[in-house]
Amino acid sequence: TEKTKLPEGRSYEDMEEGNPAMKVLISRVEACVAAGKLKGDPRAIATMLWTVGHGTISLLITFPFYPFGDPEAYVKRMCNFMVASLSTQDIPPLTETPVDC
């Protein structure tokens, strides 16, 4: 789709240069893929982890009285859930439409 295309003349590497945290995350995911702990496209995996991390923190900040339990334990639970889920799949690049959608 149009939303999955980069602007003319831009590359994913260009975008990562402006986001050092994402660059580190992708590097760590690449190491996990190389070690056989995760399988698939490192940028897609990193983006999914980034999405869950930001969503989790956003909810904790926005709804401080929701019964999440201990915030730190909840963040760890969500991270463990996401890594466990990702480790069972071969994650395709985000530019490909998954067959189960």
PDB file of N, CA and C in Angstrom:
ATOM      1  N   THR A   1       0.838  -1.189   0.000  1.00  0.00           N
ATOM      2  CA  THR A   1       0.000   0.000   0.000  1.00  0.00           C
ATOM      3  C   THR A   1       0.875   1.241   0.000  1.00  0.00           C
ATOM      4  N   GLU A   2       0.251   2.361  -0.204  1.00  0.00           N
ATOM      5  CA  GLU A   2       0.982   3.630  -0.242  1.00  0.00           C
ATOM      6  C   GLU A   2       1.674   3.923   1.092  1.00  0.00           C
ATOM      7  N   LYS A   3       1.062   3.525   2.206  1.00  0.00           N
ATOM      8  CA  LYS A   3       1.630   3.821   3.522  1.00  0.00           C
ATOM      9  C   LYS A   3       2.883   3.008   3.813  1.00  0.00           C
ATOM     10  N   THR A   4       3.087   1.879   3.119  1.00  0.00           N
ATOM     11  CA  THR A   4       4.267   1.067   3.382  1.00  0.00           C
ATOM     12  C   THR A   4       5.448   1.454   2.513  1.00  0.00           C
ATOM     13  N   LYS A   5       5.260   2.411   1.612  1.00  0.00           N
ATOM     14  CA  LYS A   5       6.344   2.853   0.740  1.00  0.00           C
ATOM     15  C   LYS A   5       7.089   4.021   1.384  1.00  0.00           C
ATOM     16  N   LEU A   6       8.399   3.983   1.251  1.00  0.00           N
ATOM     17  CA  LEU A   6       9.215   5.083   1.752  1.00  0.00           C
ATOM     18  C   LEU A   6       9.088   6.289   0.837  1.00  0.00           C
ATOM     19  N   PRO A   7       9.269   7.486   1.389  1.00  0.00           N
ATOM     20  CA  PRO A   7       9.280   8.673   0.532  1.00  0.00           C
ATOM     21  C   PRO A   7      10.381   8.548  -0.527  1.00  0.00           C
ATOM     22  N   GLU A   8      10.169   9.177  -1.649  1.00  0.00           N
ATOM     23  CA  GLU A   8      11.134   9.155  -2.755  1.00  0.00           C
ATOM     24  C   GLU A   8      12.534   9.515  -2.263  1.00  0.00           C
ATOM     25  N   GLY A   9      13.502   8.692  -2.597  1.00  0.00           N
ATOM     26  CA  GLY A   9      14.889   8.970  -2.253  1.00  0.00           C
ATOM     27  C   GLY A   9      15.296   8.611  -0.839  1.00  0.00           C
ATOM     28  N   ARG A  10      14.395   8.053  -0.045  1.00  0.00           N
ATOM     29  CA  ARG A  10      14.708   7.682   1.345  1.00  0.00           C
ATOM     30  C   ARG A  10      14.914   6.178   1.443  1.00  0.00           C
ATOM     31  N   SER A  11      15.725   5.763   2.386  1.00  0.00           N
ATOM     32  CA  SER A  11      15.919   4.341   2.657  1.00  0.00           C
ATOM     33  C   SER A  11      15.649   4.102   4.136  1.00  0.00           C
ATOM     34  N   TYR A  12      15.455   2.844   4.492  1.00  0.00           N
ATOM     35  CA  TYR A  12      15.258   2.522   5.902  1.00  0.00           C
ATOM     36  C   TYR A  12      16.502   2.903   6.698  1.00  0.00           C
ATOM     37  N   GLU A  13      17.667   2.732   6.104  1.00  0.00           N
ATOM     38  CA  GLU A  13      18.908   3.101   6.779  1.00  0.00           C
ATOM     39  C   GLU A  13      18.946   4.602   7.082  1.00  0.00           C
ATOM     40  N   ASP A  14      18.459   5.429   6.134  1.00  0.00           N
ATOM     41  CA  ASP A  14      18.388   6.881   6.372  1.00  0.00           C
ATOM     42  C   ASP A  14      17.510   7.187   7.579  1.00  0.00           C
ATOM     43  N   MET A  15      16.375   6.519   7.647  1.00  0.00           N
ATOM     44  CA  MET A  15      15.436   6.764   8.743  1.00  0.00           C
ATOM     45  C   MET A  15      16.038   6.333  10.077  1.00  0.00           C
ATOM     46  N   GLU A  16      16.778   5.227  10.080  1.00  0.00           N
ATOM     47  CA  GLU A  16      17.386   4.734  11.312  1.00  0.00           C
ATOM     48  C   GLU A  16      18.482   5.668  11.816  1.00  0.00           C
ATOM     49  N   GLU A  17      19.192   6.324  10.914  1.00  0.00           N
ATOM     50  CA  GLU A  17      20.244   7.260  11.323  1.00  0.00           C
ATOM     51  C   GLU A  17      19.681   8.367  12.210  1.00  0.00           C
ATOM     52  N   GLY A  18      18.444   8.765  11.966  1.00  0.00           N
ATOM     53  CA  GLY A  18      17.811   9.806  12.765  1.00  0.00           C
ATOM     54  C   GLY A  18      17.159   9.289  14.032  1.00  0.00           C
ATOM     55  N   ASN A  19      17.243   7.989  14.282  1.00  0.00           N
ATOM     56  CA  ASN A  19      16.614   7.388  15.451  1.00  0.00           C
ATOM     57  C   ASN A  19      17.594   6.386  16.069  1.00  0.00           C
ATOM     58  N   PRO A  20      18.550   6.870  16.877  1.00  0.00           N
ATOM     59  CA  PRO A  20      19.574   5.982  17.419  1.00  0.00           C
ATOM     60  C   PRO A  20      19.023   4.839  18.268  1.00  0.00           C
ATOM     61  N   ALA A  21      17.923   5.062  18.975  1.00  0.00           N
ATOM     62  CA  ALA A  21      17.346   3.990  19.796  1.00  0.00           C
ATOM     63  C   ALA A  21      16.852   2.844  18.912  1.00  0.00           C
ATOM     64  N   MET A  22      16.212   3.188  17.798  1.00  0.00           N
ATOM     65  CA  MET A  22      15.736   2.157  16.883  1.00  0.00           C
ATOM     66  C   MET A  22      16.911   1.425  16.246  1.00  0.00           C
ATOM     67  N   LYS A  23      17.968   2.157  15.956  1.00  0.00           N
ATOM     68  CA  LYS A  23      19.169   1.554  15.375  1.00  0.00           C
ATOM     69  C   LYS A  23      19.747   0.497  16.326  1.00  0.00           C
ATOM     70  N   VAL A  24      19.797   0.811  17.613  1.00  0.00           N
ATOM     71  CA  VAL A  24      20.287  -0.146  18.615  1.00  0.00           C
ATOM     72  C   VAL A  24      19.344  -1.343  18.703  1.00  0.00           C
ATOM     73  N   LEU A  25      18.045  -1.087  18.713  1.00  0.00           N
ATOM     74  CA  LEU A  25      17.072  -2.180  18.790  1.00  0.00           C
ATOM     75  C   LEU A  25      17.225  -3.122  17.598  1.00  0.00           C
ATOM     76  N   ILE A  26      17.338  -2.576  16.402  1.00  0.00           N
ATOM     77  CA  ILE A  26      17.512  -3.415  15.211  1.00  0.00           C
ATOM     78  C   ILE A  26      18.803  -4.220  15.317  1.00  0.00           C
ATOM     79  N   SER A  27      19.856  -3.607  15.795  1.00  0.00           N
ATOM     80  CA  SER A  27      21.132  -4.303  15.966  1.00  0.00           C
ATOM     81  C   SER A  27      20.994  -5.484  16.923  1.00  0.00           C
ATOM     82  N   ARG A  28      20.271  -5.282  18.022  1.00  0.00           N
ATOM     83  CA  ARG A  28      20.074  -6.360  19.006  1.00  0.00           C
ATOM     84  C   ARG A  28      19.209  -7.475  18.412  1.00  0.00           C
ATOM     85  N   VAL A  29      18.197  -7.092  17.655  1.00  0.00           N
ATOM     86  CA  VAL A  29      17.342  -8.097  17.009  1.00  0.00           C
ATOM     87  C   VAL A  29      18.155  -8.876  15.978  1.00  0.00           C
ATOM     88  N   GLU A  30      19.005  -8.185  15.218  1.00  0.00           N
ATOM     89  CA  GLU A  30      19.869  -8.877  14.248  1.00  0.00           C
ATOM     90  C   GLU A  30      20.739  -9.913  14.950  1.00  0.00           C
ATOM     91  N   ALA A  31      21.245  -9.584  16.131  1.00  0.00           N
ATOM     92  CA  ALA A  31      22.049 -10.534  16.900  1.00  0.00           C
ATOM     93  C   ALA A  31      21.209 -11.741  17.319  1.00  0.00           C
ATOM     94  N   CYS A  32      19.966 -11.500  17.706  1.00  0.00           N
ATOM     95  CA  CYS A  32      19.071 -12.604  18.087  1.00  0.00           C
ATOM     96  C   CYS A  32      18.749 -13.494  16.889  1.00  0.00           C
ATOM     97  N   VAL A  33      18.560 -12.887  15.724  1.00  0.00           N
ATOM     98  CA  VAL A  33      18.304 -13.662  14.502  1.00  0.00           C
ATOM     99  C   VAL A  33      19.546 -14.478  14.151  1.00  0.00           C
ATOM    100  N   ALA A  34      20.722 -13.862  14.216  1.00  0.00           N
ATOM    101  CA  ALA A  34      21.973 -14.562  13.910  1.00  0.00           C
ATOM    102  C   ALA A  34      22.214 -15.729  14.863  1.00  0.00           C
ATOM    103  N   ALA A  35      21.786 -15.574  16.120  1.00  0.00           N
ATOM    104  CA  ALA A  35      21.959 -16.630  17.122  1.00  0.00           C
ATOM    105  C   ALA A  35      20.870 -17.694  17.042  1.00  0.00           C
ATOM    106  N   GLY A  36      19.893 -17.493  16.167  1.00  0.00           N
ATOM    107  CA  GLY A  36      18.817 -18.470  16.026  1.00  0.00           C
ATOM    108  C   GLY A  36      17.710 -18.352  17.056  1.00  0.00           C
ATOM    109  N   LYS A  37      17.718 -17.283  17.836  1.00  0.00           N
ATOM    110  CA  LYS A  37      16.679 -17.085  18.856  1.00  0.00           C
ATOM    111  C   LYS A  37      15.388 -16.545  18.253  1.00  0.00           C
ATOM    112  N   LEU A  38      15.516 -15.749  17.194  1.00  0.00           N
ATOM    113  CA  LEU A  38      14.364 -15.220  16.465  1.00  0.00           C
ATOM    114  C   LEU A  38      14.579 -15.514  14.988  1.00  0.00           C
ATOM    115  N   LYS A  39      13.470 -15.547  14.232  1.00  0.00           N
ATOM    116  CA  LYS A  39      13.562 -15.879  12.815  1.00  0.00           C
ATOM    117  C   LYS A  39      12.743 -14.878  12.011  1.00  0.00           C
ATOM    118  N   GLY A  40      13.368 -14.317  10.986  1.00  0.00           N
ATOM    119  CA  GLY A  40      12.637 -13.410  10.124  1.00  0.00           C
ATOM    120  C   GLY A  40      13.365 -12.108   9.894  1.00  0.00           C
ATOM    121  N   ASP A  41      12.610 -11.121   9.473  1.00  0.00           N
ATOM    122  CA  ASP A  41      13.145  -9.815   9.120  1.00  0.00           C
ATOM    123  C   ASP A  41      13.431  -8.991  10.376  1.00  0.00           C
ATOM    124  N   PRO A  42      14.695  -8.649  10.639  1.00  0.00           N
ATOM    125  CA  PRO A  42      15.026  -7.908  11.856  1.00  0.00           C
ATOM    126  C   PRO A  42      14.299  -6.571  11.995  1.00  0.00           C
ATOM    127  N   ARG A  43      14.111  -5.845  10.897  1.00  0.00           N
ATOM    128  CA  ARG A  43      13.411  -4.556  10.996  1.00  0.00           C
ATOM    129  C   ARG A  43      11.945  -4.756  11.374  1.00  0.00           C
ATOM    130  N   ALA A  44      11.326  -5.776  10.823  1.00  0.00           N
ATOM    131  CA  ALA A  44       9.927  -6.055  11.174  1.00  0.00           C
ATOM    132  C   ALA A  44       9.820  -6.456  12.639  1.00  0.00           C
ATOM    133  N   ILE A  45      10.714  -7.325  13.085  1.00  0.00           N
ATOM    134  CA  ILE A  45      10.696  -7.766  14.486  1.00  0.00           C
ATOM    135  C   ILE A  45      10.930  -6.575  15.411  1.00  0.00           C
ATOM    136  N   ALA A  46      11.924  -5.752  15.094  1.00  0.00           N
ATOM    137  CA  ALA A  46      12.219  -4.578  15.929  1.00  0.00           C
ATOM    138  C   ALA A  46      11.034  -3.623  15.976  1.00  0.00           C
ATOM    139  N   THR A  47      10.375  -3.435  14.847  1.00  0.00           N
ATOM    140  CA  THR A  47       9.218  -2.538  14.807  1.00  0.00           C
ATOM    141  C   THR A  47       8.078  -3.079  15.656  1.00  0.00           C
ATOM    142  N   MET A  48       7.874  -4.382  15.625  1.00  0.00           N
ATOM    143  CA  MET A  48       6.818  -4.982  16.445  1.00  0.00           C
ATOM    144  C   MET A  48       7.142  -4.840  17.935  1.00  0.00           C
ATOM    145  N   LEU A  49       8.393  -5.070  18.303  1.00  0.00           N
ATOM    146  CA  LEU A  49       8.794  -4.882  19.699  1.00  0.00           C
ATOM    147  C   LEU A  49       8.641  -3.424  20.123  1.00  0.00           C
ATOM    148  N   TRP A  50       9.016  -2.512  19.262  1.00  0.00           N
ATOM    149  CA  TRP A  50       8.892  -1.072  19.510  1.00  0.00           C
ATOM    150  C   TRP A  50       7.430  -0.702  19.728  1.00  0.00           C
ATOM    151  N   THR A  51       6.556  -1.247  18.903  1.00  0.00           N
ATOM    152  CA  THR A  51       5.121  -0.967  19.008  1.00  0.00           C
ATOM    153  C   THR A  51       4.560  -1.447  20.338  1.00  0.00           C
ATOM    154  N   VAL A  52       4.884  -2.671  20.717  1.00  0.00           N
ATOM    155  CA  VAL A  52       4.374  -3.215  21.983  1.00  0.00           C
ATOM    156  C   VAL A  52       4.954  -2.447  23.168  1.00  0.00           C
ATOM    157  N   GLY A  53       6.240  -2.123  23.099  1.00  0.00           N
ATOM    158  CA  GLY A  53       6.855  -1.362  24.190  1.00  0.00           C
ATOM    159  C   GLY A  53       6.209  -0.002  24.382  1.00  0.00           C
ATOM    160  N   HIS A  54       6.039   0.717  23.281  1.00  0.00           N
ATOM    161  CA  HIS A  54       5.416   2.044  23.372  1.00  0.00           C
ATOM    162  C   HIS A  54       3.957   1.948  23.806  1.00  0.00           C
ATOM    163  N   GLY A  55       3.252   0.967  23.303  1.00  0.00           N
ATOM    164  CA  GLY A  55       1.849   0.799  23.687  1.00  0.00           C
ATOM    165  C   GLY A  55       1.696   0.491  25.165  1.00  0.00           C
ATOM    166  N   THR A  56       2.551  -0.387  25.665  1.00  0.00           N
ATOM    167  CA  THR A  56       2.502  -0.762  27.076  1.00  0.00           C
ATOM    168  C   THR A  56       2.772   0.448  27.968  1.00  0.00           C
ATOM    169  N   ILE A  57       3.837   1.171  27.677  1.00  0.00           N
ATOM    170  CA  ILE A  57       4.184   2.347  28.481  1.00  0.00           C
ATOM    171  C   ILE A  57       3.102   3.418  28.371  1.00  0.00           C
ATOM    172  N   SER A  58       2.578   3.610  27.177  1.00  0.00           N
ATOM    173  CA  SER A  58       1.522   4.604  26.969  1.00  0.00           C
ATOM    174  C   SER A  58       0.295   4.291  27.820  1.00  0.00           C
ATOM    175  N   LEU A  59      -0.095   3.029  27.860  1.00  0.00           N
ATOM    176  CA  LEU A  59      -1.257   2.651  28.674  1.00  0.00           C
ATOM    177  C   LEU A  59      -0.989   2.846  30.161  1.00  0.00           C
ATOM    178  N   LEU A  60       0.210   2.489  30.610  1.00  0.00           N
ATOM    179  CA  LEU A  60       0.540   2.686  32.023  1.00  0.00           C
ATOM    180  C   LEU A  60       0.494   4.163  32.409  1.00  0.00           C
ATOM    181  N   ILE A  61       0.933   5.031  31.510  1.00  0.00           N
ATOM    182  CA  ILE A  61       0.923   6.472  31.783  1.00  0.00           C
ATOM    183  C   ILE A  61      -0.492   7.038  31.698  1.00  0.00           C
ATOM    184  N   THR A  62      -1.234   6.632  30.681  1.00  0.00           N
ATOM    185  CA  THR A  62      -2.559   7.198  30.427  1.00  0.00           C
ATOM    186  C   THR A  62      -3.611   6.716  31.423  1.00  0.00           C
ATOM    187  N   PHE A  63      -3.482   5.473  31.872  1.00  0.00           N
ATOM    188  CA  PHE A  63      -4.472   4.889  32.783  1.00  0.00           C
ATOM    189  C   PHE A  63      -3.793   4.425  34.072  1.00  0.00           C
ATOM    190  N   PRO A  64      -3.309   5.367  34.886  1.00  0.00           N
ATOM    191  CA  PRO A  64      -2.547   4.992  36.079  1.00  0.00           C
ATOM    192  C   PRO A  64      -3.357   4.220  37.121  1.00  0.00           C
ATOM    193  N   PHE A  65      -4.678   4.299  37.070  1.00  0.00           N
ATOM    194  CA  PHE A  65      -5.488   3.612  38.075  1.00  0.00           C
ATOM    195  C   PHE A  65      -6.066   2.298  37.574  1.00  0.00           C
ATOM    196  N   TYR A  66      -5.749   1.919  36.324  1.00  0.00           N
ATOM    197  CA  TYR A  66      -6.193   0.622  35.803  1.00  0.00           C
ATOM    198  C   TYR A  66      -5.412  -0.464  36.545  1.00  0.00           C
ATOM    199  N   PRO A  67      -6.036  -1.589  36.856  1.00  0.00           N
ATOM    200  CA  PRO A  67      -5.359  -2.607  37.675  1.00  0.00           C
ATOM    201  C   PRO A  67      -4.333  -3.455  36.906  1.00  0.00           C
ATOM    202  N   PHE A  68      -3.277  -2.811  36.406  1.00  0.00           N
ATOM    203  CA  PHE A  68      -2.205  -3.538  35.725  1.00  0.00           C
ATOM    204  C   PHE A  68      -1.352  -4.332  36.707  1.00  0.00           C
ATOM    205  N   GLY A  69      -1.451  -4.009  37.991  1.00  0.00           N
ATOM    206  CA  GLY A  69      -0.526  -4.576  38.965  1.00  0.00           C
ATOM    207  C   GLY A  69       0.734  -3.726  38.981  1.00  0.00           C
ATOM    208  N   ASP A  70       1.810  -4.309  39.476  1.00  0.00           N
ATOM    209  CA  ASP A  70       3.082  -3.597  39.535  1.00  0.00           C
ATOM    210  C   ASP A  70       3.511  -3.213  38.116  1.00  0.00           C
ATOM    211  N   PRO A  71       3.721  -1.912  37.855  1.00  0.00           N
ATOM    212  CA  PRO A  71       4.057  -1.474  36.495  1.00  0.00           C
ATOM    213  C   PRO A  71       5.295  -2.159  35.910  1.00  0.00           C
ATOM    214  N   GLU A  72       6.343  -2.290  36.705  1.00  0.00           N
ATOM    215  CA  GLU A  72       7.563  -2.930  36.206  1.00  0.00           C
ATOM    216  C   GLU A  72       7.309  -4.397  35.849  1.00  0.00           C
ATOM    217  N   ALA A  73       6.554  -5.086  36.689  1.00  0.00           N
ATOM    218  CA  ALA A  73       6.221  -6.489  36.410  1.00  0.00           C
ATOM    219  C   ALA A  73       5.357  -6.601  35.159  1.00  0.00           C
ATOM    220  N   TYR A  74       4.461  -5.637  34.971  1.00  0.00           N
ATOM    221  CA  TYR A  74       3.601  -5.656  33.787  1.00  0.00           C
ATOM    222  C   TYR A  74       4.423  -5.452  32.512  1.00  0.00           C
ATOM    223  N   VAL A  75       5.367  -4.524  32.545  1.00  0.00           N
ATOM    224  CA  VAL A  75       6.240  -4.297  31.385  1.00  0.00           C
ATOM    225  C   VAL A  75       7.026  -5.571  31.075  1.00  0.00           C
ATOM    226  N   LYS A  76       7.577  -6.206  32.094  1.00  0.00           N
ATOM    227  CA  LYS A  76       8.322  -7.456  31.879  1.00  0.00           C
ATOM    228  C   LYS A  76       7.413  -8.538  31.305  1.00  0.00           C
ATOM    229  N   ARG A  77       6.200  -8.631  31.817  1.00  0.00           N
ATOM    230  CA  ARG A  77       5.242  -9.622  31.315  1.00  0.00           C
ATOM    231  C   ARG A  77       4.957  -9.396  29.830  1.00  0.00           C
ATOM    232  N   MET A  78       4.732  -8.148  29.449  1.00  0.00           N
ATOM    233  CA  MET A  78       4.446  -7.844  28.044  1.00  0.00           C
ATOM    234  C   MET A  78       5.658  -8.130  27.155  1.00  0.00           C
ATOM    235  N   CYS A  79       6.850  -7.779  27.628  1.00  0.00           N
ATOM    236  CA  CYS A  79       8.065  -8.061  26.852  1.00  0.00           C
ATOM    237  C   CYS A  79       8.264  -9.563  26.689  1.00  0.00           C
ATOM    238  N   ASN A  80       8.096 -10.311  27.759  1.00  0.00           N
ATOM    239  CA  ASN A  80       8.233 -11.765  27.688  1.00  0.00           C
ATOM    240  C   ASN A  80       7.204 -12.376  26.750  1.00  0.00           C
ATOM    241  N   PHE A  81       5.971 -11.890  26.819  1.00  0.00           N
ATOM    242  CA  PHE A  81       4.909 -12.374  25.936  1.00  0.00           C
ATOM    243  C   PHE A  81       5.271 -12.130  24.473  1.00  0.00           C
ATOM    244  N   MET A  82       5.727 -10.930  24.169  1.00  0.00           N
ATOM    245  CA  MET A  82       6.025 -10.582  22.781  1.00  0.00           C
ATOM    246  C   MET A  82       7.196 -11.391  22.248  1.00  0.00           C
ATOM    247  N   VAL A  83       8.257 -11.524  23.028  1.00  0.00           N
ATOM    248  CA  VAL A  83       9.417 -12.296  22.578  1.00  0.00           C
ATOM    249  C   VAL A  83       9.036 -13.766  22.407  1.00  0.00           C
ATOM    250  N   ALA A  84       8.240 -14.311  23.329  1.00  0.00           N
ATOM    251  CA  ALA A  84       7.799 -15.703  23.200  1.00  0.00           C
ATOM    252  C   ALA A  84       6.966 -15.888  21.938  1.00  0.00           C
ATOM    253  N   SER A  85       6.092 -14.952  21.657  1.00  0.00           N
ATOM    254  CA  SER A  85       5.262 -15.026  20.456  1.00  0.00           C
ATOM    255  C   SER A  85       6.111 -14.929  19.192  1.00  0.00           C
ATOM    256  N   LEU A  86       7.018 -13.971  19.156  1.00  0.00           N
ATOM    257  CA  LEU A  86       7.874 -13.789  17.985  1.00  0.00           C
ATOM    258  C   LEU A  86       8.781 -14.991  17.747  1.00  0.00           C
ATOM    259  N   SER A  87       9.205 -15.650  18.819  1.00  0.00           N
ATOM    260  CA  SER A  87      10.145 -16.768  18.677  1.00  0.00           C
ATOM    261  C   SER A  87       9.503 -18.005  18.051  1.00  0.00           C
ATOM    262  N   THR A  88       8.184 -18.017  17.925  1.00  0.00           N
ATOM    263  CA  THR A  88       7.500 -19.171  17.326  1.00  0.00           C
ATOM    264  C   THR A  88       7.174 -18.958  15.853  1.00  0.00           C
ATOM    265  N   GLN A  89       7.561 -17.817  15.300  1.00  0.00           N
ATOM    266  CA  GLN A  89       7.164 -17.471  13.937  1.00  0.00           C
ATOM    267  C   GLN A  89       8.355 -17.013  13.109  1.00  0.00           C
ATOM    268  N   ASP A  90       8.194 -17.113  11.798  1.00  0.00           N
ATOM    269  CA  ASP A  90       9.146 -16.525  10.856  1.00  0.00           C
ATOM    270  C   ASP A  90       8.504 -15.214  10.401  1.00  0.00           C
ATOM    271  N   ILE A  91       9.029 -14.100  10.872  1.00  0.00           N
ATOM    272  CA  ILE A  91       8.408 -12.794  10.655  1.00  0.00           C
ATOM    273  C   ILE A  91       8.833 -12.217   9.299  1.00  0.00           C
ATOM    274  N   PRO A  92       7.859 -12.007   8.395  1.00  0.00           N
ATOM    275  CA  PRO A  92       8.193 -11.438   7.084  1.00  0.00           C
ATOM    276  C   PRO A  92       8.404  -9.927   7.186  1.00  0.00           C
ATOM    277  N   PRO A  93       9.024  -9.335   6.165  1.00  0.00           N
ATOM    278  CA  PRO A  93       9.162  -7.872   6.150  1.00  0.00           C
ATOM    279  C   PRO A  93       7.792  -7.202   6.228  1.00  0.00           C
ATOM    280  N   LEU A  94       7.749  -6.021   6.795  1.00  0.00           N
ATOM    281  CA  LEU A  94       6.482  -5.304   6.949  1.00  0.00           C
ATOM    282  C   LEU A  94       5.882  -4.890   5.616  1.00  0.00           C
ATOM    283  N   THR A  95       6.692  -4.852   4.581  1.00  0.00           N
ATOM    284  CA  THR A  95       6.182  -4.476   3.261  1.00  0.00           C
ATOM    285  C   THR A  95       5.399  -5.601   2.598  1.00  0.00           C
ATOM    286  N   GLU A  96       5.440  -6.812   3.180  1.00  0.00           N
ATOM    287  CA  GLU A  96       4.667  -7.939   2.662  1.00  0.00           C
ATOM    288  C   GLU A  96       3.383  -8.075   3.471  1.00  0.00           C
ATOM    289  N   THR A  97       2.289  -8.382   2.802  1.00  0.00           N
ATOM    290  CA  THR A  97       1.027  -8.599   3.497  1.00  0.00           C
ATOM    291  C   THR A  97       0.993 -10.045   3.982  1.00  0.00           C
ATOM    292  N   PRO A  98       0.855 -10.261   5.309  1.00  0.00           N
ATOM    293  CA  PRO A  98       0.791 -11.633   5.818  1.00  0.00           C
ATOM    294  C   PRO A  98      -0.405 -12.383   5.225  1.00  0.00           C
ATOM    295  N   VAL A  99      -0.243 -13.682   5.034  1.00  0.00           N
ATOM    296  CA  VAL A  99      -1.306 -14.477   4.420  1.00  0.00           C
ATOM    297  C   VAL A  99      -2.513 -14.632   5.334  1.00  0.00           C
ATOM    298  N   ASP A 100      -2.348 -14.450   6.639  1.00  0.00           N
ATOM    299  CA  ASP A 100      -3.465 -14.652   7.561  1.00  0.00           C
ATOM    300  C   ASP A 100      -4.237 -13.375   7.863  1.00  0.00           C
ATOM    301  N   CYS A 101      -3.990 -12.300   7.138  1.00  0.00           N
ATOM    302  CA  CYS A 101      -4.740 -11.050   7.347  1.00  0.00           C
ATOM    303  C   CYS A 101      -5.953 -11.016   6.456  1.00  0.00           C
TER     304      CYS A 101
END
